[in-house]
Protein backbone atom coordinates (compact mmCIF):
# COMPACT_ATOMS: atom_id res chain seq x y z
CA MET A 1 -30.34 -2.42 -6.72
CA THR A 2 -28.75 -1.87 -9.69
CA THR A 3 -27.64 -5.20 -11.55
CA ILE A 4 -24.46 -4.79 -13.46
CA LYS A 5 -24.11 -7.50 -16.44
CA ALA A 6 -20.32 -8.99 -17.08
CA THR A 7 -18.95 -11.34 -18.95
CA CYS A 8 -16.47 -14.67 -17.90
CA THR A 9 -14.57 -16.07 -20.15
CA GLY A 10 -15.80 -19.60 -19.32
CA CYS A 11 -19.31 -19.02 -17.90
CA GLY A 12 -20.43 -15.93 -20.24
CA GLU A 13 -22.85 -13.19 -19.19
CA VAL A 14 -23.37 -12.76 -15.60
CA ASP A 15 -25.32 -10.72 -13.10
CA LEU A 16 -23.36 -8.81 -10.36
CA LYS A 17 -24.14 -6.24 -7.61
CA ALA A 18 -21.80 -3.22 -7.27
CA GLU A 19 -20.10 -5.09 -4.06
CA ASP A 20 -19.31 -8.32 -6.49
CA ILE A 21 -17.01 -6.02 -8.53
CA LEU A 22 -13.25 -4.35 -7.40
CA LEU A 23 -12.93 -1.24 -9.76
CA ARG A 24 -9.11 -0.56 -9.36
CA ILE A 25 -8.43 3.56 -10.68
CA GLY A 26 -4.96 4.29 -10.98
CA ALA A 27 -2.74 7.54 -11.86
CA ALA A 28 -2.70 6.53 -15.60
CA ARG A 29 -5.95 5.84 -17.63
CA THR A 30 -4.23 2.47 -18.77
CA ILE A 31 -4.09 0.88 -14.93
CA ASN A 32 -7.69 1.06 -14.66
CA THR A 33 -9.20 -2.68 -14.49
CA TYR A 34 -12.28 -4.21 -12.98
CA GLY A 35 -12.50 -7.56 -11.66
CA PHE A 36 -15.05 -9.78 -10.29
CA THR A 37 -15.35 -13.65 -8.53
CA CYS A 38 -17.91 -15.36 -11.46
CA PRO A 39 -20.56 -16.62 -9.33
CA GLY A 40 -20.80 -19.70 -12.12
CA CYS A 41 -17.25 -20.81 -12.28
CA ALA A 42 -15.72 -19.14 -8.53
CA GLU A 43 -13.16 -18.24 -11.06
CA PHE A 44 -11.65 -14.36 -10.49
CA VAL A 45 -11.91 -12.45 -13.73
CA GLU A 46 -10.13 -9.28 -14.21
CA LYS A 47 -10.47 -7.08 -17.30
CA PRO A 48 -9.16 -3.64 -18.52
CA ALA A 49 -11.65 -0.46 -17.86
CA ASP A 50 -11.46 2.07 -20.01
CA GLU A 51 -12.92 5.62 -19.40
CA ARG A 52 -17.14 4.42 -20.56
CA ILE A 53 -16.62 1.14 -18.43
CA VAL A 54 -15.54 3.66 -15.35
CA ARG A 55 -18.38 5.79 -15.63
CA LEU A 56 -21.09 2.78 -15.96
CA LEU A 57 -19.53 1.26 -13.04
CA LEU A 58 -19.73 4.33 -10.68
CA SER A 59 -23.08 4.91 -11.83
CA GLY A 60 -24.04 1.71 -11.12
CA GLY A 61 -22.55 2.24 -7.12
CA VAL A 62 -19.55 0.52 -7.49
CA VAL A 63 -16.98 1.68 -5.00
CA PRO A 64 -13.28 2.53 -6.81
CA VAL A 65 -10.23 1.52 -5.11
CA PRO A 66 -7.43 4.02 -5.64
CA VAL A 67 -4.09 2.13 -6.94
CA HIS A 68 -1.02 4.11 -6.24
CA VAL A 69 1.50 3.29 -8.92
CA PRO A 70 5.16 4.93 -8.06
CA ALA A 71 5.95 7.92 -10.76
CA GLU A 72 9.02 5.72 -11.71
CA VAL A 73 6.64 3.16 -13.33
CA LEU A 74 5.10 5.96 -15.83
CA GLU A 75 8.44 7.20 -16.77
CA ILE A 76 9.77 6.07 -19.97
CA HIS A 77 13.13 4.14 -19.77
CA ASP A 78 16.11 3.57 -22.26
CA GLY A 79 19.06 1.61 -22.02
CA PRO A 80 19.39 -2.15 -21.82
CA THR A 81 17.41 -4.33 -19.86
CA ILE A 82 18.56 -5.32 -16.37
CA THR A 83 19.92 -9.09 -16.57
CA TYR A 84 20.32 -11.96 -14.41
CA ASP A 85 24.18 -11.96 -14.48
CA ASP A 86 23.88 -8.27 -13.72
CA VAL A 87 21.68 -8.74 -10.79
CA LEU A 88 24.39 -11.51 -9.80
CA ASP A 89 27.34 -8.99 -10.52
CA PHE A 90 25.59 -6.44 -8.21
CA HIS A 91 24.96 -9.07 -5.47
CA GLU A 92 28.66 -10.10 -5.56
CA ARG A 93 29.58 -6.37 -5.26
CA LEU A 94 27.74 -6.15 -2.08
CA GLN A 95 29.81 -8.88 -0.49
CA GLY A 96 32.90 -6.67 -0.39
CA ASP A 97 33.57 -3.72 2.35
CA ASP A 98 34.07 -1.53 -0.08
CA TRP A 99 30.99 -1.90 -2.38
CA PHE A 100 29.81 1.49 -1.77
CA SER A 101 32.66 3.69 -2.94
CA GLU A 102 33.21 0.83 -6.07
CA LEU A 103 29.48 1.84 -6.97
CA ALA A 104 29.49 5.44 -6.45
CA THR A 105 32.77 5.65 -8.49
CA PRO A 106 31.95 6.35 -12.32
CA ARG A 107 33.27 3.67 -14.45
CA THR A 108 34.99 4.41 -17.88
CA THR A 109 34.31 2.72 -21.02
CA HIS A 110 37.04 1.96 -23.43
């Protein structure tokens, strides 16, 4: 049985078994993470997992969990951020009977 060493922010270095580690693999490398419940303090510790860490954990017998991320998350978005006022305006529009035609009609800006 392989012993995997990891670091808890409170307890320092801890020894784990492959089944103690949750390895999440996503479509983009930037969303790979690994986590474990620290045997010392019982806190769940989660950290990013670069390619090297993923390879080490896989070679140690950790079974990865695929994480589905919708493609929209990885798209580049520009434009203003949606505000609470925008959400409130949208909610108020949905209260009317003609909300769909109102939203489907392009607005002109002056």
